[in-house]
Amino acid sequence: MKSDIQKLESVHPDLITTFLTTGDGEGIPEDVQIFLKQLQWAAEIYEYERNITRGARQLKQRIAAQQRIRLDVRTCMTRINQAISYFNVDCNVSIKVWENDFANKYEDLAKLCSAKRDYKMQKACMDQALECRRRASEQAEADRDLGVVFLISPEVTAEELGFRKKNLKEIAAKHNRGFYVSLIDGLPIESSEKKRLLRDADIQEAEIVEDMTNADDSLAHGEDGTVGDGDDMNDLNDLTDE
């Protein structure tokens, strides 16, 4: 059985956005609408009440008043935690924003310390504010100085990236020709017969024919590929005459 949050995640985001902005829940089951409304109220309460326990009490009263549903405080605390997780409250805020926010708060504390003539604490607050400003500035510079920018688009084709388009039929045919070339080359027949079979099979591999021609030349001229001079041939003829 699916939980409430799992049911909510199965709903299309456009339907959820429409429901949260206009209240139109067409296409969303009734129980999911009730749960989503509770999450919306929980997020609204958490915006100004960061104490989850006190916020859960307020959420309990609001749900009872508007939905006529009675929930205990523990369930309302769970709703607030679910809302924080689902709506990514505070999770999508960058570090530099938090640093600047804390710097402003430290400066406010420094003003209070100055009004009470607590200058030692005032200096400590100002130092902390300065440190927060420095970290925020470093984070901003790191975001600007990123040297690599990745642009991903489904409209970019492989040809535009420098790759050549290959025909799958040609690739398959070339593979088959390689198979038959190896098969013919392994037959215990003369090289001339091998070349004839290659021609009959309509396999035009210039390198293979050239290798076979070189092999024939090697057999004709000896194992080392050298041809004897005229004297050696005459000596061979004399031996034959004798």
C-alpha atoms as a PDB file:
ATOM      1  CA  MET A   1       0.000   0.000   0.000  1.00  0.00           C
ATOM      2  CA  LYS A   2       1.363   3.387  -1.004  1.00  0.00           C
ATOM      3  CA  SER A   3       1.909   6.088   1.563  1.00  0.00           C
ATOM      4  CA  ASP A   4       0.461   9.583   1.192  1.00  0.00           C
ATOM      5  CA  ILE A   5       3.757  11.041   0.007  1.00  0.00           C
ATOM      6  CA  GLN A   6       4.152   8.250  -2.572  1.00  0.00           C
ATOM      7  CA  LYS A   7       0.675   8.931  -3.914  1.00  0.00           C
ATOM      8  CA  LEU A   8       1.527  12.628  -4.151  1.00  0.00           C
ATOM      9  CA  GLU A   9       4.756  11.955  -6.033  1.00  0.00           C
ATOM     10  CA  SER A  10       2.840   9.895  -8.606  1.00  0.00           C
ATOM     11  CA  VAL A  11       0.724  12.933  -9.564  1.00  0.00           C
ATOM     12  CA  HIS A  12       1.925  15.075 -12.487  1.00  0.00           C
ATOM     13  CA  PRO A  13       3.681  18.279 -11.297  1.00  0.00           C
ATOM     14  CA  ASP A  14       1.500  20.482 -13.522  1.00  0.00           C
ATOM     15  CA  LEU A  15      -1.641  19.264 -11.759  1.00  0.00           C
ATOM     16  CA  ILE A  16      -0.071  19.975  -8.380  1.00  0.00           C
ATOM     17  CA  THR A  17       0.976  23.478  -9.449  1.00  0.00           C
ATOM     18  CA  THR A  18      -2.537  24.209 -10.710  1.00  0.00           C
ATOM     19  CA  PHE A  19      -4.059  22.965  -7.455  1.00  0.00           C
ATOM     20  CA  LEU A  20      -1.719  25.042  -5.270  1.00  0.00           C
ATOM     21  CA  THR A  21      -2.246  28.228  -7.287  1.00  0.00           C
ATOM     22  CA  THR A  22      -5.933  28.067  -8.263  1.00  0.00           C
ATOM     23  CA  GLY A  23      -7.382  25.367  -6.015  1.00  0.00           C
ATOM     24  CA  ASP A  24      -8.551  23.358  -9.039  1.00  0.00           C
ATOM     25  CA  GLY A  25      -7.976  19.708  -8.125  1.00  0.00           C
ATOM     26  CA  GLU A  26      -9.170  18.098 -11.353  1.00  0.00           C
ATOM     27  CA  GLY A  27      -7.217  14.915 -11.982  1.00  0.00           C
ATOM     28  CA  ILE A  28      -6.019  14.607  -8.364  1.00  0.00           C
ATOM     29  CA  PRO A  29      -7.654  12.055  -6.014  1.00  0.00           C
ATOM     30  CA  GLU A  30      -9.610  13.488  -3.103  1.00  0.00           C
ATOM     31  CA  ASP A  31      -7.355  12.023  -0.387  1.00  0.00           C
ATOM     32  CA  VAL A  32      -4.260  13.392  -2.151  1.00  0.00           C
ATOM     33  CA  GLN A  33      -5.866  16.838  -2.322  1.00  0.00           C
ATOM     34  CA  ILE A  34      -6.454  16.790   1.449  1.00  0.00           C
ATOM     35  CA  PHE A  35      -2.877  15.688   2.117  1.00  0.00           C
ATOM     36  CA  LEU A  36      -1.420  18.276  -0.302  1.00  0.00           C
ATOM     37  CA  LYS A  37      -3.422  21.061   1.323  1.00  0.00           C
ATOM     38  CA  GLN A  38      -2.050  20.057   4.727  1.00  0.00           C
ATOM     39  CA  LEU A  39       1.486  20.194   3.351  1.00  0.00           C
ATOM     40  CA  GLN A  40       0.813  23.644   1.915  1.00  0.00           C
ATOM     41  CA  TRP A  41      -0.408  24.940   5.263  1.00  0.00           C
ATOM     42  CA  ALA A  42       2.547  23.329   7.018  1.00  0.00           C
ATOM     43  CA  ALA A  43       4.980  25.114   4.678  1.00  0.00           C
ATOM     44  CA  GLU A  44       3.199  28.429   5.217  1.00  0.00           C
ATOM     45  CA  ILE A  45       3.354  28.056   9.001  1.00  0.00           C
ATOM     46  CA  TYR A  46       7.032  27.052   8.905  1.00  0.00           C
ATOM     47  CA  GLU A  47       7.855  30.283   7.060  1.00  0.00           C
ATOM     48  CA  TYR A  48       7.244  32.348  10.205  1.00  0.00           C
ATOM     49  CA  GLU A  49       7.320  29.709  12.973  1.00  0.00           C
ATOM     50  CA  ARG A  50      10.599  27.790  12.904  1.00  0.00           C
ATOM     51  CA  ASN A  51       9.812  25.880  16.079  1.00  0.00           C
ATOM     52  CA  ILE A  52       8.293  22.673  14.728  1.00  0.00           C
ATOM     53  CA  THR A  53       6.445  21.822  17.938  1.00  0.00           C
ATOM     54  CA  ARG A  54       4.676  25.186  18.123  1.00  0.00           C
ATOM     55  CA  GLY A  55       4.081  25.085  14.380  1.00  0.00           C
ATOM     56  CA  ALA A  56       2.509  21.628  14.711  1.00  0.00           C
ATOM     57  CA  ARG A  57      -0.001  22.974  17.254  1.00  0.00           C
ATOM     58  CA  GLN A  58      -0.975  25.782  14.876  1.00  0.00           C
ATOM     59  CA  LEU A  59      -1.276  23.320  11.995  1.00  0.00           C
ATOM     60  CA  LYS A  60      -3.502  21.063  14.114  1.00  0.00           C
ATOM     61  CA  GLN A  61      -5.894  23.935  14.786  1.00  0.00           C
ATOM     62  CA  ARG A  62      -5.971  24.995  11.129  1.00  0.00           C
ATOM     63  CA  ILE A  63      -6.685  21.475   9.857  1.00  0.00           C
ATOM     64  CA  ALA A  64      -9.456  21.044  12.438  1.00  0.00           C
ATOM     65  CA  ALA A  65     -11.024  24.371  11.509  1.00  0.00           C
ATOM     66  CA  GLN A  66     -10.883  24.091   7.710  1.00  0.00           C
ATOM     67  CA  GLN A  67     -10.934  20.352   6.976  1.00  0.00           C
ATOM     68  CA  ARG A  68     -12.831  19.143  10.031  1.00  0.00           C
ATOM     69  CA  ILE A  69     -10.127  16.531  10.619  1.00  0.00           C
ATOM     70  CA  ARG A  70      -8.604  15.890  14.039  1.00  0.00           C
ATOM     71  CA  LEU A  71      -4.887  15.062  14.024  1.00  0.00           C
ATOM     72  CA  ASP A  72      -2.559  14.731  16.993  1.00  0.00           C
ATOM     73  CA  VAL A  73       0.481  16.983  17.411  1.00  0.00           C
ATOM     74  CA  ARG A  74       2.920  14.234  16.449  1.00  0.00           C
ATOM     75  CA  THR A  75       1.170  13.710  13.095  1.00  0.00           C
ATOM     76  CA  CYS A  76       1.219  17.464  12.478  1.00  0.00           C
ATOM     77  CA  MET A  77       4.954  17.522  13.214  1.00  0.00           C
ATOM     78  CA  THR A  78       5.359  14.793  10.601  1.00  0.00           C
ATOM     79  CA  ARG A  79       3.373  16.935   8.140  1.00  0.00           C
ATOM     80  CA  ILE A  80       5.758  19.843   8.673  1.00  0.00           C
ATOM     81  CA  ASN A  81       8.800  17.641   8.124  1.00  0.00           C
ATOM     82  CA  GLN A  82       7.199  16.206   4.984  1.00  0.00           C
ATOM     83  CA  ALA A  83       6.470  19.715   3.714  1.00  0.00           C
ATOM     84  CA  ILE A  84      10.084  20.773   4.287  1.00  0.00           C
ATOM     85  CA  SER A  85      11.283  17.758   2.344  1.00  0.00           C
ATOM     86  CA  TYR A  86       8.697  17.969  -0.467  1.00  0.00           C
ATOM     87  CA  PHE A  87       8.882  21.696  -1.140  1.00  0.00           C
ATOM     88  CA  ASN A  88      12.645  21.813  -0.482  1.00  0.00           C
ATOM     89  CA  VAL A  89      12.223  24.592   2.043  1.00  0.00           C
ATOM     90  CA  ASP A  90      15.640  26.148   2.768  1.00  0.00           C
ATOM     91  CA  CYS A  91      17.349  23.359   0.796  1.00  0.00           C
ATOM     92  CA  ASN A  92      17.536  25.315  -2.452  1.00  0.00           C
ATOM     93  CA  VAL A  93      19.087  28.387  -0.846  1.00  0.00           C
ATOM     94  CA  SER A  94      22.742  28.893  -1.730  1.00  0.00           C
ATOM     95  CA  ILE A  95      25.488  29.197   0.876  1.00  0.00           C
ATOM     96  CA  LYS A  96      26.216  32.845   0.090  1.00  0.00           C
ATOM     97  CA  VAL A  97      22.602  33.784   0.910  1.00  0.00           C
ATOM     98  CA  TRP A  98      22.875  32.143   4.330  1.00  0.00           C
ATOM     99  CA  GLU A  99      26.229  33.832   4.970  1.00  0.00           C
ATOM    100  CA  ASN A 100      24.804  37.250   4.146  1.00  0.00           C
ATOM    101  CA  ASP A 101      21.744  36.543   6.284  1.00  0.00           C
ATOM    102  CA  PHE A 102      23.898  35.651   9.281  1.00  0.00           C
ATOM    103  CA  ALA A 103      26.092  38.686   8.653  1.00  0.00           C
ATOM    104  CA  ASN A 104      23.016  40.933   8.853  1.00  0.00           C
ATOM    105  CA  LYS A 105      21.961  39.300  12.116  1.00  0.00           C
ATOM    106  CA  TYR A 106      25.435  39.733  13.613  1.00  0.00           C
ATOM    107  CA  GLU A 107      25.341  43.401  12.653  1.00  0.00           C
ATOM    108  CA  ASP A 108      21.966  43.791  14.368  1.00  0.00           C
ATOM    109  CA  LEU A 109      23.432  42.214  17.506  1.00  0.00           C
ATOM    110  CA  ALA A 110      26.386  44.607  17.270  1.00  0.00           C
ATOM    111  CA  LYS A 111      23.981  47.558  17.273  1.00  0.00           C
ATOM    112  CA  LEU A 112      22.265  46.248  20.395  1.00  0.00           C
ATOM    113  CA  CYS A 113      25.630  45.764  22.100  1.00  0.00           C
ATOM    114  CA  SER A 114      26.617  49.323  21.155  1.00  0.00           C
ATOM    115  CA  ALA A 115      23.418  50.670  22.675  1.00  0.00           C
ATOM    116  CA  LYS A 116      24.226  48.841  25.923  1.00  0.00           C
ATOM    117  CA  ARG A 117      27.866  50.017  25.782  1.00  0.00           C
ATOM    118  CA  ASP A 118      29.101  46.423  25.603  1.00  0.00           C
ATOM    119  CA  TYR A 119      31.887  47.226  23.150  1.00  0.00           C
ATOM    120  CA  LYS A 120      33.734  43.950  23.612  1.00  0.00           C
ATOM    121  CA  MET A 121      30.728  41.933  22.490  1.00  0.00           C
ATOM    122  CA  GLN A 122      30.074  44.503  19.759  1.00  0.00           C
ATOM    123  CA  LYS A 123      33.545  43.868  18.302  1.00  0.00           C
ATOM    124  CA  ALA A 124      33.006  40.083  18.458  1.00  0.00           C
ATOM    125  CA  CYS A 125      29.737  40.438  16.530  1.00  0.00           C
ATOM    126  CA  MET A 126      31.345  42.680  13.940  1.00  0.00           C
ATOM    127  CA  ASP A 127      34.193  40.187  13.470  1.00  0.00           C
ATOM    128  CA  GLN A 128      31.711  37.378  12.910  1.00  0.00           C
ATOM    129  CA  ALA A 129      29.757  39.518  10.428  1.00  0.00           C
ATOM    130  CA  LEU A 130      32.973  40.296   8.556  1.00  0.00           C
ATOM    131  CA  GLU A 131      33.834  36.590   8.359  1.00  0.00           C
ATOM    132  CA  CYS A 132      30.377  35.786   6.988  1.00  0.00           C
ATOM    133  CA  ARG A 133      30.729  38.528   4.366  1.00  0.00           C
ATOM    134  CA  ARG A 134      34.097  37.147   3.285  1.00  0.00           C
ATOM    135  CA  ARG A 135      32.749  33.610   2.884  1.00  0.00           C
ATOM    136  CA  ALA A 136      29.769  34.909   0.913  1.00  0.00           C
ATOM    137  CA  SER A 137      32.088  36.870  -1.370  1.00  0.00           C
ATOM    138  CA  GLU A 138      34.309  33.826  -1.936  1.00  0.00           C
ATOM    139  CA  GLN A 139      31.263  31.732  -2.804  1.00  0.00           C
ATOM    140  CA  ALA A 140      30.038  34.358  -5.268  1.00  0.00           C
ATOM    141  CA  GLU A 141      33.452  34.521  -6.971  1.00  0.00           C
ATOM    142  CA  ALA A 142      33.596  30.717  -7.184  1.00  0.00           C
ATOM    143  CA  ASP A 143      30.207  30.690  -8.937  1.00  0.00           C
ATOM    144  CA  ARG A 144      31.340  33.318 -11.454  1.00  0.00           C
ATOM    145  CA  ASP A 145      34.742  31.780 -12.164  1.00  0.00           C
ATOM    146  CA  LEU A 146      33.525  28.376 -13.283  1.00  0.00           C
ATOM    147  CA  GLY A 147      35.489  27.766 -16.477  1.00  0.00           C
ATOM    148  CA  VAL A 148      33.473  24.864 -17.872  1.00  0.00           C
ATOM    149  CA  VAL A 149      29.924  25.346 -19.063  1.00  0.00           C
ATOM    150  CA  PHE A 150      28.046  22.262 -20.228  1.00  0.00           C
ATOM    151  CA  LEU A 151      25.295  22.853 -22.763  1.00  0.00           C
ATOM    152  CA  ILE A 152      23.067  19.826 -23.269  1.00  0.00           C
ATOM    153  CA  SER A 153      20.475  19.948 -26.027  1.00  0.00           C
ATOM    154  CA  PRO A 154      18.518  17.126 -27.686  1.00  0.00           C
ATOM    155  CA  GLU A 155      18.757  19.023 -30.984  1.00  0.00           C
ATOM    156  CA  VAL A 156      22.511  18.441 -31.289  1.00  0.00           C
ATOM    157  CA  THR A 157      23.285  15.558 -33.633  1.00  0.00           C
ATOM    158  CA  ALA A 158      26.303  13.284 -33.730  1.00  0.00           C
ATOM    159  CA  GLU A 159      27.304  14.698 -37.115  1.00  0.00           C
ATOM    160  CA  GLU A 160      27.507  18.216 -35.642  1.00  0.00           C
ATOM    161  CA  LEU A 161      29.892  16.906 -33.001  1.00  0.00           C
ATOM    162  CA  GLY A 162      32.263  15.579 -35.679  1.00  0.00           C
ATOM    163  CA  PHE A 163      31.135  11.960 -35.898  1.00  0.00           C
ATOM    164  CA  ARG A 164      30.439  10.305 -39.232  1.00  0.00           C
ATOM    165  CA  LYS A 165      27.151   8.559 -39.823  1.00  0.00           C
ATOM    166  CA  LYS A 166      27.459   4.865 -40.612  1.00  0.00           C
ATOM    167  CA  ASN A 167      24.980   2.663 -42.406  1.00  0.00           C
ATOM    168  CA  LEU A 168      24.160  -0.398 -40.335  1.00  0.00           C
ATOM    169  CA  LYS A 169      23.689  -2.503 -43.468  1.00  0.00           C
ATOM    170  CA  GLU A 170      27.162  -1.576 -44.670  1.00  0.00           C
ATOM    171  CA  ILE A 171      28.643  -2.454 -41.281  1.00  0.00           C
ATOM    172  CA  ALA A 172      26.883  -5.840 -41.303  1.00  0.00           C
ATOM    173  CA  ALA A 173      27.942  -6.509 -44.907  1.00  0.00           C
ATOM    174  CA  LYS A 174      31.551  -5.656 -44.111  1.00  0.00           C
ATOM    175  CA  HIS A 175      31.474  -8.009 -41.141  1.00  0.00           C
ATOM    176  CA  ASN A 176      30.087 -10.814 -43.307  1.00  0.00           C
ATOM    177  CA  ARG A 177      32.736 -10.202 -45.969  1.00  0.00           C
ATOM    178  CA  GLY A 178      35.416 -10.463 -43.330  1.00  0.00           C
ATOM    179  CA  PHE A 179      34.001 -13.798 -42.249  1.00  0.00           C
ATOM    180  CA  TYR A 180      33.986 -15.181 -45.795  1.00  0.00           C
ATOM    181  CA  VAL A 181      37.476 -13.825 -46.501  1.00  0.00           C
ATOM    182  CA  SER A 182      38.811 -15.688 -43.469  1.00  0.00           C
ATOM    183  CA  LEU A 183      36.915 -18.806 -44.528  1.00  0.00           C
ATOM    184  CA  ILE A 184      38.277 -18.714 -48.107  1.00  0.00           C
ATOM    185  CA  ASP A 185      41.784 -17.878 -46.964  1.00  0.00           C
ATOM    186  CA  GLY A 186      41.785 -20.952 -44.735  1.00  0.00           C
ATOM    187  CA  LEU A 187      40.887 -23.383 -47.520  1.00  0.00           C
ATOM    188  CA  PRO A 188      43.681 -25.796 -48.581  1.00  0.00           C
ATOM    189  CA  ILE A 189      43.681 -24.600 -52.223  1.00  0.00           C
ATOM    190  CA  GLU A 190      45.903 -22.556 -54.469  1.00  0.00           C
ATOM    191  CA  SER A 191      46.023 -18.790 -54.121  1.00  0.00           C
ATOM    192  CA  SER A 192      44.647 -18.332 -57.628  1.00  0.00           C
ATOM    193  CA  GLU A 193      41.603 -20.385 -56.661  1.00  0.00           C
ATOM    194  CA  LYS A 194      41.200 -18.295 -53.499  1.00  0.00           C
ATOM    195  CA  LYS A 195      41.216 -15.100 -55.531  1.00  0.00           C
ATOM    196  CA  ARG A 196      38.689 -16.600 -57.959  1.00  0.00           C
ATOM    197  CA  LEU A 197      36.385 -17.445 -55.055  1.00  0.00           C
ATOM    198  CA  LEU A 198      36.739 -13.909 -53.715  1.00  0.00           C
ATOM    199  CA  ARG A 199      35.774 -12.515 -57.119  1.00  0.00           C
ATOM    200  CA  ASP A 200      32.823 -14.909 -57.406  1.00  0.00           C
ATOM    201  CA  ALA A 201      31.637 -13.810 -53.963  1.00  0.00           C
ATOM    202  CA  ASP A 202      31.845 -10.164 -55.098  1.00  0.00           C
ATOM    203  CA  ILE A 203      34.284  -9.362 -52.306  1.00  0.00           C
ATOM    204  CA  GLN A 204      36.542  -6.531 -53.329  1.00  0.00           C
ATOM    205  CA  GLU A 205      39.254  -6.293 -50.720  1.00  0.00           C
ATOM    206  CA  ALA A 206      42.324  -4.751 -52.347  1.00  0.00           C
ATOM    207  CA  GLU A 207      44.537  -5.388 -49.346  1.00  0.00           C
ATOM    208  CA  ILE A 208      43.637  -9.076 -49.207  1.00  0.00           C
ATOM    209  CA  VAL A 209      44.224  -9.600 -52.937  1.00  0.00           C
ATOM    210  CA  GLU A 210      47.529  -7.770 -52.620  1.00  0.00           C
ATOM    211  CA  ASP A 211      48.563  -9.963 -49.681  1.00  0.00           C
ATOM    212  CA  MET A 212      47.738 -13.065 -51.686  1.00  0.00           C
ATOM    213  CA  THR A 213      49.732 -11.735 -54.643  1.00  0.00           C
ATOM    214  CA  ASN A 214      52.687 -11.096 -52.360  1.00  0.00           C
ATOM    215  CA  ALA A 215      52.351 -14.605 -51.002  1.00  0.00           C
ATOM    216  CA  ASP A 216      52.448 -16.006 -54.544  1.00  0.00           C
ATOM    217  CA  ASP A 217      55.537 -13.951 -55.328  1.00  0.00           C
ATOM    218  CA  SER A 218      57.231 -15.198 -52.182  1.00  0.00           C
ATOM    219  CA  LEU A 219      56.574 -18.790 -53.154  1.00  0.00           C
ATOM    220  CA  ALA A 220      57.853 -18.153 -56.669  1.00  0.00           C
ATOM    221  CA  HIS A 221      61.043 -16.452 -55.504  1.00  0.00           C
ATOM    222  CA  GLY A 222      61.873 -18.557 -52.474  1.00  0.00           C
ATOM    223  CA  GLU A 223      61.255 -18.399 -48.784  1.00  0.00           C
ATOM    224  CA  ASP A 224      63.404 -15.284 -48.330  1.00  0.00           C
ATOM    225  CA  GLY A 225      61.724 -13.502 -51.242  1.00  0.00           C
ATOM    226  CA  THR A 226      64.976 -13.182 -53.297  1.00  0.00           C
ATOM    227  CA  VAL A 227      65.433 -14.016 -56.967  1.00  0.00           C
ATOM    228  CA  GLY A 228      68.604 -15.779 -58.175  1.00  0.00           C
ATOM    229  CA  ASP A 229      70.900 -14.113 -60.747  1.00  0.00           C
ATOM    230  CA  GLY A 230      71.624 -15.376 -64.268  1.00  0.00           C
ATOM    231  CA  ASP A 231      74.608 -17.554 -63.276  1.00  0.00           C
ATOM    232  CA  ASP A 232      72.550 -19.421 -60.725  1.00  0.00           C
ATOM    233  CA  MET A 233      69.903 -20.154 -63.321  1.00  0.00           C
ATOM    234  CA  ASN A 234      72.521 -21.426 -65.800  1.00  0.00           C
ATOM    235  CA  ASP A 235      74.013 -23.708 -63.178  1.00  0.00           C
ATOM    236  CA  LEU A 236      70.535 -25.069 -62.530  1.00  0.00           C
ATOM    237  CA  ASN A 237      70.052 -25.760 -66.230  1.00  0.00           C
ATOM    238  CA  ASP A 238      73.424 -27.526 -66.470  1.00  0.00           C
ATOM    239  CA  LEU A 239      72.514 -29.776 -63.597  1.00  0.00           C
ATOM    240  CA  THR A 240      69.240 -30.575 -65.304  1.00  0.00           C
ATOM    241  CA  ASP A 241      70.994 -31.461 -68.600  1.00  0.00           C
ATOM    242  CA  GLU A 242      73.360 -33.774 -66.824  1.00  0.00           C
END
